[in-house]
Amino acid sequence: MNYDINRPPNRFENETGDDWAHQFEQASTCEPVAHTHKTPKSKGPDKMNSFAIALQTNFRSPAAAERREETLPTSKSELEQRYHRVRRFSEKLCETLEPEDFVVQTMPEASPTKWHLAHTSWFFETFVLKKFLADYDSMHPQFAYLFNSYYNAVGPFYSRPHRGLLSRPTVKEVFHYRADVDLFVSNLIESADEQLLTKLEPILILGLHHEQQHQELMLTDIKNVFWQNPLRPAFRKRDEIEISPAPPVEWLKYAEGIYWVGHAGRDFSYDNEGPRHRALVPAFGLASRLVTNADFLAFMEDGGYRRPELWLSLGWNAVKERGWESPLYWEKRDGEWFTMTLAGMTELVPEEPVCHVSLFEADACARWSGARLPTEEEWETASSGLPLRGNFVESDIFHVSPLASPASAGKPAQMFGDVWEWTRSSYSPYPGYSAAPGALGEYNGKFMCNQYVLRGGSCATSQSHIRRTYRNFFPPDARWQFTGIRLAKDLI
């Protein structure tokens, strides 16, 4: 890979492919591959095999676990193409940024764009290159401290709230780091035999989904950065879209039953999506569409932010302590509401789904509406059989869209894309779940406390990344993600 240090660092040479289904099959021991980067040997604890085995166990339903057919691994070219496509999409998202934009951190929960770009590269260096290249030694060993996020088993890491203080390495150096990692990964894939490819592939695919998560965070974090700037710059201009009146809410009814919940099959999923299990779901109703800005304005105009009886106790405390009077990014100017988008400040569109609301706000709005939030089991039940289509990041809109047309009769609309939908379900392990040993076992399990589950993906989520069983999670006061509301109610 040739990289010109004199041109913008977010331009790369190749454009390549996407998507596959992983196989976590035989986790037999493989010898690392030698390469031409002659440096002292560096090898960490051999924890990858147990991680792959644990994922293999968690990602199968009982029926699937009984049939472990031998399948061929993804071809080298397919794997390498998908790797480069995902990696280059991160850089494509940076095309409109200036160097000053890459380093700003506006709150402890967010990270600078430069940090995201470096961290995702550190992930591949740590869990792929150091594992599978026999004589690999990092060209930037100090990056292990700067760009480790939270993996205690790997080693110490830099303070998350202070990532914005890292003026060095420079943005250009981070892009060079990415290019170096990409070159080593490409060489590793091309030189791998079938046995090594079988071991290498699941870790690479995990890393690519990890990068897609950070692509969404890059967008939500830079949106907060630009909102904090009085100039309110635009990340990316967008075209005007046609707006139709929002249809009235219909209550779709779902019968009581014992339903399968969690991921099944051999395609990729995170460990927190399994094990697949049965759950008793009482009869419930689900709103046919998302709560719109107009709906939420009605809640506000009826004193929604001034009525403690509508709020959970912690939510009411947040309203008082933080001065919440509207969703994040809303501003009232001369009696009219505006909102910050990635295209800059725009007039509030009543027909758009409301977004950037916390669980507390979603719960209060639901209570005011005489409804509630769905459980994640209800949401997954209602989404069964629906196509994974919607307004995702590939739409290049980077904002929520009004409902273009009602869904098919008896089916909920906008279940995927636009906004992550809050559920009333605490983020906790499924029956039989156990985190894998080693560093990668820290990916999800240790966060199963004081967070709530969201479903469906958003306008900043990659369509190739989302699944019906995907369990996103955030604290109940989080508002900077594209989070929205769908109502549910009991059927008695």
Protein backbone atom coordinates (compact mmCIF):
# COMPACT_ATOMS: atom_id res chain seq x y z
CA MET A 1 0.00 0.00 0.00
CA ASN A 2 1.42 3.34 -1.06
CA TYR A 3 0.60 6.27 1.12
CA ASP A 4 1.51 9.84 0.23
CA ILE A 5 2.18 11.89 3.35
CA ASN A 6 1.63 15.08 1.37
CA ARG A 7 -1.96 14.38 0.45
CA PRO A 8 -4.97 14.34 2.83
CA PRO A 9 -4.48 11.37 5.16
CA ASN A 10 -8.03 10.09 4.68
CA ARG A 11 -7.49 9.11 1.03
CA PHE A 12 -6.46 5.55 0.28
CA GLU A 13 -5.85 3.66 -2.91
CA ASN A 14 -8.15 0.67 -2.96
CA GLU A 15 -11.89 0.10 -2.71
CA THR A 16 -12.98 -3.34 -1.61
CA GLY A 17 -15.80 -5.68 -0.42
CA ASP A 18 -18.17 -6.66 2.37
CA ASP A 19 -20.10 -9.13 4.46
CA TRP A 20 -19.99 -12.85 5.27
CA ALA A 21 -21.02 -15.43 7.86
CA HIS A 22 -18.39 -16.39 10.39
CA GLN A 23 -17.40 -19.90 11.42
CA PHE A 24 -16.22 -20.58 14.93
CA GLU A 25 -15.41 -24.22 14.28
CA GLN A 26 -12.20 -26.09 15.07
CA ALA A 27 -10.13 -23.97 17.46
CA SER A 28 -7.01 -26.04 16.98
CA THR A 29 -3.58 -24.63 17.64
CA CYS A 30 -1.85 -22.97 14.69
CA GLU A 31 1.70 -21.83 14.37
CA PRO A 32 2.04 -18.07 13.87
CA VAL A 33 3.16 -16.95 10.44
CA ALA A 34 6.58 -15.42 9.99
CA HIS A 35 6.81 -12.13 8.14
CA THR A 36 9.37 -9.70 6.85
CA HIS A 37 9.15 -7.17 9.69
CA LYS A 38 12.16 -8.46 11.59
CA THR A 39 11.70 -7.34 15.15
CA PRO A 40 11.91 -9.06 18.53
CA LYS A 41 9.25 -11.63 19.07
CA SER A 42 6.20 -10.36 20.97
CA LYS A 43 3.46 -12.70 22.07
CA GLY A 44 0.76 -12.24 24.67
CA PRO A 45 -1.30 -14.85 26.51
CA ASP A 46 -2.95 -17.39 24.25
CA LYS A 47 -6.56 -16.46 25.01
CA MET A 48 -8.01 -16.33 21.48
CA ASN A 49 -8.83 -20.03 21.21
CA SER A 50 -10.98 -20.06 24.33
CA PHE A 51 -12.71 -16.91 23.19
CA ALA A 52 -13.61 -18.43 19.83
CA ILE A 53 -14.90 -21.59 21.53
CA ALA A 54 -17.02 -19.55 23.93
CA LEU A 55 -18.50 -17.51 21.09
CA GLN A 56 -19.22 -20.69 19.18
CA THR A 57 -21.16 -22.03 22.17
CA ASN A 58 -23.07 -18.82 22.88
CA PHE A 59 -24.11 -18.20 19.29
CA ARG A 60 -26.04 -21.39 18.70
CA SER A 61 -29.55 -22.42 19.58
CA PRO A 62 -29.90 -25.87 21.18
CA ALA A 63 -30.86 -27.33 17.81
CA ALA A 64 -27.96 -25.72 16.00
CA ALA A 65 -25.51 -26.87 18.66
CA GLU A 66 -26.30 -30.48 17.84
CA ARG A 67 -25.35 -30.16 14.18
CA ARG A 68 -21.83 -28.86 13.73
CA GLU A 69 -21.37 -29.38 10.04
CA GLU A 70 -17.93 -28.70 8.68
CA THR A 71 -18.04 -25.55 6.55
CA LEU A 72 -15.40 -23.98 4.39
CA PRO A 73 -13.96 -20.73 5.65
CA THR A 74 -14.50 -17.49 3.80
CA SER A 75 -12.07 -17.16 0.90
CA LYS A 76 -9.00 -15.04 1.43
CA SER A 77 -10.08 -12.53 -1.18
CA GLU A 78 -13.55 -12.12 0.36
CA LEU A 79 -12.09 -11.65 3.82
CA GLU A 80 -9.48 -9.17 2.66
CA GLN A 81 -12.01 -7.23 0.61
CA ARG A 82 -14.40 -6.91 3.51
CA TYR A 83 -11.57 -5.86 5.80
CA HIS A 84 -10.52 -3.02 3.50
CA ARG A 85 -14.07 -1.88 2.79
CA VAL A 86 -14.92 -1.47 6.45
CA ARG A 87 -11.59 0.16 7.25
CA ARG A 88 -11.91 2.64 4.41
CA PHE A 89 -15.42 3.59 5.36
CA SER A 90 -14.00 4.95 8.63
CA GLU A 91 -11.71 7.15 6.59
CA LYS A 92 -14.50 8.15 4.21
CA LEU A 93 -16.43 9.51 7.19
CA CYS A 94 -13.50 11.85 7.83
CA GLU A 95 -13.39 13.41 4.38
CA THR A 96 -15.10 16.66 5.41
CA LEU A 97 -13.18 17.09 8.67
CA GLU A 98 -10.30 19.49 9.20
CA PRO A 99 -7.29 18.48 11.33
CA GLU A 100 -8.57 20.58 14.24
CA ASP A 101 -11.83 18.60 14.28
CA PHE A 102 -10.06 15.28 14.91
CA VAL A 103 -8.77 16.09 18.40
CA VAL A 104 -11.70 17.69 20.27
CA GLN A 105 -13.43 15.88 23.14
CA THR A 106 -16.54 17.57 24.53
CA MET A 107 -17.51 15.18 27.34
CA PRO A 108 -16.09 12.11 29.10
CA GLU A 109 -18.48 9.74 27.29
CA ALA A 110 -17.32 10.84 23.84
CA SER A 111 -13.92 10.46 22.20
CA PRO A 112 -12.03 12.46 19.58
CA THR A 113 -12.24 11.21 16.02
CA LYS A 114 -8.48 10.67 16.01
CA TRP A 115 -8.77 8.38 19.02
CA HIS A 116 -11.45 6.24 17.34
CA LEU A 117 -9.27 5.83 14.26
CA ALA A 118 -6.27 4.80 16.34
CA HIS A 119 -8.17 2.56 18.75
CA THR A 120 -9.73 0.45 16.01
CA SER A 121 -6.27 -0.05 14.54
CA TRP A 122 -4.88 -0.94 17.96
CA PHE A 123 -7.59 -3.61 18.18
CA PHE A 124 -6.32 -5.36 15.04
CA GLU A 125 -2.71 -4.93 16.07
CA THR A 126 -3.33 -6.36 19.54
CA PHE A 127 -5.69 -9.23 18.82
CA VAL A 128 -4.56 -10.19 15.32
CA LEU A 129 -0.99 -9.13 14.50
CA LYS A 130 0.55 -9.80 17.91
CA LYS A 131 -1.28 -13.09 18.07
CA PHE A 132 -0.71 -14.52 14.61
CA LEU A 133 2.60 -13.03 13.40
CA ALA A 134 5.50 -14.85 15.01
CA ASP A 135 8.06 -12.06 15.03
CA TYR A 136 5.74 -9.06 15.14
CA ASP A 137 6.63 -6.19 17.41
CA SER A 138 4.74 -2.93 17.38
CA MET A 139 6.37 0.05 15.73
CA HIS A 140 4.57 2.21 18.31
CA PRO A 141 4.57 0.27 21.60
CA GLN A 142 3.34 3.34 23.52
CA PHE A 143 0.10 3.23 21.51
CA ALA A 144 -0.90 0.20 23.57
CA TYR A 145 -1.38 2.53 26.53
CA LEU A 146 -2.87 5.46 24.64
CA PHE A 147 -5.43 3.55 22.57
CA ASN A 148 -6.49 0.61 24.72
CA SER A 149 -10.06 1.42 25.73
CA TYR A 150 -10.95 -0.78 28.69
CA TYR A 151 -9.24 -4.16 28.27
CA ASN A 152 -7.66 -4.72 31.68
CA ALA A 153 -6.27 -8.09 30.61
CA VAL A 154 -4.20 -6.37 27.93
CA GLY A 155 -2.70 -3.77 30.23
CA PRO A 156 -3.16 -0.26 31.65
CA PHE A 157 -4.81 2.45 29.57
CA TYR A 158 -5.01 6.21 29.36
CA SER A 159 -7.83 8.07 31.12
CA ARG A 160 -10.97 8.14 28.99
CA PRO A 161 -12.12 11.64 30.02
CA HIS A 162 -8.72 13.06 28.99
CA ARG A 163 -8.41 11.64 25.48
CA GLY A 164 -8.92 15.14 24.08
CA LEU A 165 -5.62 16.21 25.64
CA LEU A 166 -3.65 13.95 23.30
CA SER A 167 -2.32 16.34 20.67
CA ARG A 168 0.26 13.69 19.79
CA PRO A 169 0.44 11.43 17.91
CA THR A 170 -0.71 13.73 15.15
CA VAL A 171 -3.64 13.01 12.88
CA LYS A 172 -1.21 12.26 10.05
CA GLU A 173 0.70 9.81 12.24
CA VAL A 174 -2.52 8.03 13.17
CA PHE A 175 -3.42 7.59 9.51
CA HIS A 176 0.07 6.21 8.86
CA TYR A 177 -0.46 3.82 11.77
CA ARG A 178 -3.72 2.64 10.19
CA ALA A 179 -1.98 2.13 6.86
CA ASP A 180 0.80 0.09 8.49
CA VAL A 181 -1.68 -2.13 10.33
CA ASP A 182 -3.69 -2.61 7.14
CA LEU A 183 -0.61 -3.68 5.22
CA PHE A 184 0.36 -6.27 7.85
CA VAL A 185 -3.20 -7.62 8.05
CA SER A 186 -3.37 -7.92 4.24
CA ASN A 187 -0.08 -9.80 4.14
CA LEU A 188 -1.22 -12.08 6.95
CA ILE A 189 -4.47 -12.98 5.18
CA GLU A 190 -2.71 -13.60 1.87
CA SER A 191 -0.08 -15.86 3.44
CA ALA A 192 -2.43 -17.82 5.71
CA ASP A 193 -3.05 -21.49 5.06
CA GLU A 194 -6.51 -22.99 5.57
CA GLN A 195 -5.83 -23.95 9.18
CA LEU A 196 -4.64 -20.47 10.13
CA LEU A 197 -7.44 -18.79 8.18
CA THR A 198 -9.99 -20.73 10.20
CA LYS A 199 -8.54 -19.29 13.40
CA LEU A 200 -7.86 -15.84 12.02
CA GLU A 201 -11.23 -15.20 10.47
CA PRO A 202 -13.46 -14.95 13.58
CA ILE A 203 -11.15 -12.45 15.26
CA LEU A 204 -10.97 -10.34 12.11
CA ILE A 205 -14.74 -10.34 11.73
CA LEU A 206 -15.17 -9.37 15.37
CA GLY A 207 -12.71 -6.54 14.78
CA LEU A 208 -14.64 -5.31 11.76
CA HIS A 209 -17.92 -5.21 13.69
CA HIS A 210 -16.04 -3.43 16.46
CA GLU A 211 -14.89 -0.85 13.90
CA GLN A 212 -18.45 -0.39 12.66
CA GLN A 213 -19.50 0.37 16.22
CA HIS A 214 -16.84 3.05 16.37
CA GLN A 215 -17.93 4.47 13.02
CA GLU A 216 -21.29 5.21 14.62
CA LEU A 217 -19.56 6.72 17.64
CA MET A 218 -17.44 8.87 15.34
CA LEU A 219 -20.64 10.39 13.96
CA THR A 220 -22.41 10.92 17.27
CA ASP A 221 -19.26 12.29 18.91
CA ILE A 222 -18.45 14.76 16.11
CA LYS A 223 -22.08 15.89 16.15
CA ASN A 224 -21.65 16.83 19.80
CA VAL A 225 -18.37 18.56 18.98
CA PHE A 226 -19.98 20.70 16.28
CA TRP A 227 -22.99 21.46 18.48
CA GLN A 228 -20.69 22.81 21.19
CA ASN A 229 -19.18 25.18 18.63
CA PRO A 230 -21.15 28.47 18.40
CA LEU A 231 -20.57 28.44 14.64
CA ARG A 232 -22.58 25.19 14.44
CA PRO A 233 -20.62 23.87 11.44
CA ALA A 234 -22.01 21.19 9.17
CA PHE A 235 -20.39 17.78 9.00
CA ARG A 236 -22.01 16.91 5.66
CA LYS A 237 -24.65 18.75 3.67
CA ARG A 238 -27.71 16.78 2.70
CA ASP A 239 -30.47 17.07 0.14
CA GLU A 240 -34.00 18.06 0.98
CA ILE A 241 -36.40 15.15 1.25
CA GLU A 242 -40.13 14.91 0.72
CA ILE A 243 -42.17 14.96 3.90
CA SER A 244 -45.52 13.26 4.28
CA PRO A 245 -47.84 13.68 7.26
CA ALA A 246 -47.20 11.08 9.94
CA PRO A 247 -49.95 8.46 9.93
CA PRO A 248 -51.96 7.97 13.12
CA VAL A 249 -50.64 5.40 15.56
CA GLU A 250 -52.19 1.96 15.30
CA TRP A 251 -51.84 -0.55 18.10
CA LEU A 252 -50.60 -3.84 16.76
CA LYS A 253 -51.57 -6.79 18.91
CA TYR A 254 -49.34 -9.74 19.76
CA ALA A 255 -50.63 -12.85 21.47
CA GLU A 256 -49.17 -14.27 24.64
CA GLY A 257 -46.75 -17.05 23.95
CA ILE A 258 -43.41 -18.67 24.57
CA TYR A 259 -41.02 -17.21 22.05
CA TRP A 260 -37.42 -17.85 21.11
CA VAL A 261 -35.17 -14.92 22.03
CA GLY A 262 -31.54 -14.43 21.04
CA HIS A 263 -29.35 -15.18 18.09
CA ALA A 264 -29.47 -18.46 16.17
CA GLY A 265 -27.42 -19.59 13.23
CA ARG A 266 -23.85 -19.39 12.07
CA ASP A 267 -23.67 -15.75 11.03
CA PHE A 268 -21.89 -13.26 13.27
CA SER A 269 -23.34 -12.03 16.54
CA TYR A 270 -21.94 -10.71 19.80
CA ASP A 271 -21.82 -12.98 22.81
CA ASN A 272 -24.48 -10.91 24.64
CA GLU A 273 -27.04 -11.98 22.01
CA GLY A 274 -26.97 -15.54 23.30
CA PRO A 275 -27.55 -18.16 24.37
CA ARG A 276 -30.80 -18.42 22.45
CA HIS A 277 -33.55 -19.24 24.89
CA ARG A 278 -37.29 -19.30 25.33
CA ALA A 279 -39.17 -16.51 27.08
CA LEU A 280 -42.78 -16.15 28.16
CA VAL A 281 -44.10 -12.95 26.60
CA PRO A 282 -47.55 -11.85 27.80
CA ALA A 283 -49.97 -10.34 25.29
CA PHE A 284 -48.95 -6.82 24.35
CA GLY A 285 -49.61 -4.02 21.95
CA LEU A 286 -46.91 -2.15 20.01
CA ALA A 287 -47.22 1.21 18.29
CA SER A 288 -47.17 1.00 14.51
CA ARG A 289 -44.70 3.87 14.24
CA LEU A 290 -42.10 5.79 16.24
CA VAL A 291 -42.90 8.79 18.43
CA THR A 292 -42.42 11.92 16.30
CA ASN A 293 -41.19 15.40 17.14
CA ALA A 294 -44.80 16.58 17.01
CA ASP A 295 -45.82 13.89 19.51
CA PHE A 296 -43.00 14.86 21.84
CA LEU A 297 -43.81 18.57 21.50
CA ALA A 298 -47.31 17.79 22.74
CA PHE A 299 -45.77 16.11 25.78
CA MET A 300 -43.58 19.16 26.38
CA GLU A 301 -46.42 21.64 25.92
CA ASP A 302 -48.49 19.71 28.45
CA GLY A 303 -45.79 20.36 31.06
CA GLY A 304 -43.95 17.10 30.52
CA TYR A 305 -40.68 18.44 31.92
CA ARG A 306 -42.45 20.08 34.88
CA ARG A 307 -44.56 17.18 36.14
CA PRO A 308 -42.65 14.92 38.55
CA GLU A 309 -45.46 12.33 38.57
CA LEU A 310 -44.46 11.35 35.03
CA TRP A 311 -40.84 10.63 35.86
CA LEU A 312 -38.78 7.93 37.45
CA SER A 313 -37.09 9.28 40.56
CA LEU A 314 -33.59 9.33 39.04
CA GLY A 315 -35.02 10.85 35.88
CA TRP A 316 -36.69 13.69 37.78
CA ASN A 317 -33.40 14.33 39.56
CA ALA A 318 -31.69 14.60 36.15
CA VAL A 319 -34.34 17.04 34.91
CA LYS A 320 -33.78 19.33 37.89
CA GLU A 321 -30.01 19.02 38.16
CA ARG A 322 -29.27 19.34 34.42
CA GLY A 323 -32.01 21.75 33.47
CA TRP A 324 -33.58 19.50 30.85
CA GLU A 325 -36.46 21.18 29.05
CA SER A 326 -36.29 19.45 25.66
CA PRO A 327 -34.36 16.71 23.87
CA LEU A 328 -30.65 17.24 23.35
CA TYR A 329 -29.80 19.57 20.44
CA TRP A 330 -33.20 21.35 20.44
CA GLU A 331 -33.14 25.14 20.59
CA LYS A 332 -35.99 27.64 20.54
CA ARG A 333 -35.43 30.77 18.47
CA ASP A 334 -38.08 33.50 18.20
CA GLY A 335 -40.75 31.02 19.19
CA GLU A 336 -39.68 28.34 16.70
CA TRP A 337 -37.85 25.11 17.45
CA PHE A 338 -34.58 24.25 15.73
CA THR A 339 -32.32 21.25 16.13
CA MET A 340 -28.66 20.51 15.53
CA THR A 341 -28.03 17.92 12.84
CA LEU A 342 -24.89 16.72 11.10
CA ALA A 343 -25.90 19.13 8.33
CA GLY A 344 -25.90 22.01 10.83
CA MET A 345 -28.79 23.76 12.58
CA THR A 346 -32.15 23.18 10.88
CA GLU A 347 -35.78 23.89 11.64
CA LEU A 348 -37.39 21.10 13.61
CA VAL A 349 -39.42 18.81 11.35
CA PRO A 350 -42.56 17.72 13.24
CA GLU A 351 -42.92 14.50 11.22
CA GLU A 352 -39.43 13.19 11.98
CA PRO A 353 -38.93 10.62 14.75
CA VAL A 354 -37.85 12.30 17.95
CA CYS A 355 -34.26 11.47 18.79
CA HIS A 356 -31.51 12.26 21.30
CA VAL A 357 -33.75 11.46 24.26
CA SER A 358 -32.70 9.55 27.35
CA LEU A 359 -34.47 6.52 28.73
CA PHE A 360 -35.83 8.83 31.42
CA GLU A 361 -37.42 11.11 28.81
CA ALA A 362 -38.68 8.16 26.78
CA ASP A 363 -40.26 6.61 29.87
CA ALA A 364 -41.90 9.88 30.95
CA CYS A 365 -43.31 10.48 27.46
CA ALA A 366 -44.65 6.93 27.37
CA ARG A 367 -46.31 7.35 30.76
CA TRP A 368 -47.85 10.66 29.67
CA SER A 369 -49.19 8.86 26.58
CA GLY A 370 -50.90 6.22 28.73
CA ALA A 371 -48.44 3.63 27.51
CA ARG A 372 -44.99 2.28 28.37
CA LEU A 373 -41.77 1.25 26.69
CA PRO A 374 -41.54 -2.28 25.24
CA THR A 375 -39.42 -4.99 26.76
CA GLU A 376 -36.61 -6.26 24.56
CA GLU A 377 -38.40 -9.62 24.28
CA GLU A 378 -41.51 -7.84 22.99
CA TRP A 379 -39.45 -5.84 20.52
CA GLU A 380 -37.71 -8.94 19.20
CA THR A 381 -41.00 -10.79 18.91
CA ALA A 382 -42.59 -7.95 16.94
CA SER A 383 -39.59 -7.64 14.62
CA SER A 384 -39.72 -11.31 13.63
CA GLY A 385 -39.94 -11.71 9.88
CA LEU A 386 -39.38 -8.04 9.09
CA PRO A 387 -36.72 -7.20 6.50
CA LEU A 388 -33.57 -5.50 7.77
CA ARG A 389 -34.26 -2.37 5.77
CA GLY A 390 -34.31 1.23 6.87
CA ASN A 391 -32.45 4.51 7.05
CA PHE A 392 -28.91 3.39 7.88
CA VAL A 393 -25.56 5.11 7.52
CA GLU A 394 -25.27 3.82 3.96
CA SER A 395 -28.15 6.17 3.07
CA ASP A 396 -25.65 9.01 3.48
CA ILE A 397 -28.29 11.12 5.25
CA PHE A 398 -26.82 11.00 8.77
CA HIS A 399 -30.17 12.06 10.21
CA VAL A 400 -33.56 10.61 11.00
CA SER A 401 -36.17 10.53 8.23
CA PRO A 402 -39.93 10.95 8.38
CA LEU A 403 -41.95 7.83 7.69
CA ALA A 404 -42.24 7.72 3.91
CA SER A 405 -45.18 5.31 3.83
CA PRO A 406 -47.01 3.17 6.36
CA ALA A 407 -45.73 -0.35 6.89
CA SER A 408 -47.61 -3.35 5.62
CA ALA A 409 -50.87 -4.03 7.38
CA GLY A 410 -50.27 -5.41 10.84
CA LYS A 411 -46.53 -4.68 10.75
CA PRO A 412 -44.66 -1.95 12.64
CA ALA A 413 -42.83 0.67 10.58
CA GLN A 414 -39.24 1.90 10.98
CA MET A 415 -38.21 -0.96 13.26
CA PHE A 416 -34.69 -0.79 11.81
CA GLY A 417 -32.60 2.30 11.25
CA ASP A 418 -33.36 5.95 12.07
CA VAL A 419 -33.19 5.65 15.89
CA TRP A 420 -32.13 3.11 18.46
CA GLU A 421 -35.36 2.31 20.32
CA TRP A 422 -35.24 2.34 24.10
CA THR A 423 -36.67 -0.68 25.87
CA ARG A 424 -37.58 -0.97 29.53
CA SER A 425 -35.26 -3.98 29.86
CA SER A 426 -32.16 -3.69 31.97
CA TYR A 427 -29.03 -4.86 30.23
CA SER A 428 -28.37 -8.19 31.90
CA PRO A 429 -27.12 -11.62 30.81
CA TYR A 430 -29.37 -14.11 29.12
CA PRO A 431 -29.90 -17.44 30.92
CA GLY A 432 -26.75 -19.52 30.58
CA TYR A 433 -24.54 -16.63 29.49
CA SER A 434 -20.95 -16.50 30.61
CA ALA A 435 -18.25 -14.15 29.39
CA ALA A 436 -15.34 -15.76 27.62
CA PRO A 437 -11.98 -15.83 29.42
CA GLY A 438 -9.24 -13.43 28.46
CA ALA A 439 -9.20 -9.88 27.16
CA LEU A 440 -11.90 -10.24 24.50
CA GLY A 441 -14.23 -11.61 27.15
CA GLU A 442 -14.36 -8.05 28.48
CA TYR A 443 -16.14 -6.88 25.33
CA ASN A 444 -19.71 -7.00 26.71
CA GLY A 445 -20.17 -8.93 29.91
CA LYS A 446 -18.63 -6.54 32.39
CA PHE A 447 -21.01 -3.75 31.36
CA MET A 448 -24.14 -5.63 32.42
CA CYS A 449 -25.00 -3.21 35.20
CA ASN A 450 -26.92 0.10 35.36
CA GLN A 451 -27.65 0.17 31.62
CA TYR A 452 -30.72 -0.36 29.46
CA VAL A 453 -31.15 -2.21 26.18
CA LEU A 454 -31.87 -0.48 22.87
CA ARG A 455 -32.88 -2.21 19.65
CA GLY A 456 -33.05 -1.67 15.92
CA GLY A 457 -30.05 0.45 14.89
CA SER A 458 -30.00 4.08 13.78
CA CYS A 459 -29.25 6.38 10.87
CA ALA A 460 -25.58 6.15 11.94
CA THR A 461 -25.51 2.32 12.06
CA SER A 462 -24.18 0.22 9.18
CA GLN A 463 -26.83 -2.02 7.69
CA SER A 464 -24.29 -4.84 7.44
CA HIS A 465 -23.71 -4.51 11.18
CA ILE A 466 -27.27 -4.70 12.54
CA ARG A 467 -29.28 -7.78 13.45
CA ARG A 468 -32.75 -8.37 14.85
CA THR A 469 -31.14 -9.75 18.01
CA TYR A 470 -28.58 -6.93 18.40
CA ARG A 471 -28.54 -5.63 22.00
CA ASN A 472 -27.17 -2.12 22.23
CA PHE A 473 -26.94 -0.64 25.72
CA PHE A 474 -26.45 2.74 27.36
CA PRO A 475 -27.01 4.33 30.77
CA PRO A 476 -30.54 5.70 31.25
CA ASP A 477 -29.38 9.34 31.13
CA ALA A 478 -27.48 9.02 27.81
CA ARG A 479 -28.76 11.40 25.10
CA TRP A 480 -26.00 11.96 22.53
CA GLN A 481 -26.75 8.80 20.56
CA PHE A 482 -29.54 8.61 17.98
CA THR A 483 -32.04 7.26 20.51
CA GLY A 484 -35.80 7.37 20.14
CA ILE A 485 -39.13 6.01 21.34
CA ARG A 486 -41.64 3.36 20.34
CA LEU A 487 -44.62 2.87 22.65
CA ALA A 488 -46.03 -0.39 23.97
CA LYS A 489 -48.87 -1.31 26.27
CA ASP A 490 -50.32 -4.28 28.09
CA LEU A 491 -53.27 -6.16 26.66
CA ILE A 492 -55.53 -7.47 29.36
